[in-house]
Amino acid sequence: MPEGPQRPRRGATTIEEVARAAGVSRQTVSNALNAPQRVRPETLDRVTTAIRELGYQPDQSARSLRSGARRTLGYLAPVDDPLDPNPLMAGFLEALVDAAGAEGQRVLLFRPAPPAGDPVAAIDELVAARQVDGLVLADVLAEDPRIAHVARLGVPFVSFGRTGPGEPQHWVDIANDAATAEVVRHLAALGHRRIGYLGVDEQLPWMAARRAGFLAEARRLGLSAVALPAVALPGAALPGAAGERREAAAAPSAVAAVRALLSGPDRPTAVAAGSDLLALDVYEAVRAEGLAVGPGGVAVTGFHDTPLCRHLHPALTSVRLPLRAIATALVGRLLGRVRGEAVPAAGLELPTELVVRGSSA
């Protein structure tokens, strides 16, 4: 006869209910969850089936109290403007959450409290509260005070961005200089002999490396290259500062600098930008000078391959960062340190990809 409607459960399934359904002891269910190698295969199958059918969810807070593990990674989020967010770091956060979730981990975002905005104090508060097992840092500067501090604390950490000599090399990064060198080779292969570069804030190590890679490869290939002075930014560069947001604030001077370069007698036929947002300034400058972006005009390239690249006209050639691979490597290395496993002592450098579109094709 057909089954009647099931009565709603009054509460969550307990470990005792799983044990009764599987015909085993409570300790056997606990072993199946925490040390399955101790349980006979046929018994483990019965327990697993009971867990699935009853919808049992282990009490993670209780397990954390017993093991000392929070299964949570702290991410010191870069300062940003909610009305003008950094598209690159937003993409990195998505990749980081996915990579952590694949390992059964959560990501806890935190940020220094205003008005002081002291990242060291924010780290101390989080560590004292014992809320995370380890930390992910980004936008790492030379002699970054956050790196030295977490190293002194002995907190497991990794960084998106390389640390300096004498500091723990717990980083994953891209080769910024190699990426812009590839841009130069691409432009040279298209026949460009006079090329320009627009960057921002030489205090940011990744921007300095992009400029250096561009100039070195241009010299090697015998090209005529002009690197515009780095766009001046208000205030000092701070750990966790949002480079993209600050570039946008300096847009007028960037446009003026490119216009001056393009109005000269030996104007370049291609301009590489250190970010996609700076490439927008190059587009504006090119058109203000009565020129076209792309073949027959001025070739333009960007860096980061943010979504806006596909929506520009012509679509922007840009350097794509392997954000998912970066996040996966960071999470794997951090969890290795949390668990006390043997992990590489050196940082990891991952390759980028030049995505060629109409602005330089």
Foldseek 3Di string as FASTA:
>chain_A
DDDDDDDDDPDADDLCQLCVQLVHDSVQLVCLVPPVVVDDPVSNVSSVVSCVVRVHDDDLVVVCVVPVAQLEEEEAAFDADPVDGDLLVVVLVVLLQVLSVVVVHGYDYDWQDPDVRDVLVRVVVCVVVSNHQAYEFEQDFAVAVVQVNCVVVVRQYEYADAYDPPTFGRYEYAQLLVLLLVVLVLLVVVPWQEEEEEFADCRRVSRVSNVVSNVVSSVVVVGHYYYFPHQDFPDDDHGSHRVVVRVLVSLVVLLVRLLVQQPDPPRTQEYEYAAVSSQVSNCVNQVVNVFHQAPPGHAYAHEQPGVVQVVDVFRHWYKHDPSNVRSNSRVVSSVCVSVVHDDDRHYHYDYIDTGDTRRYD
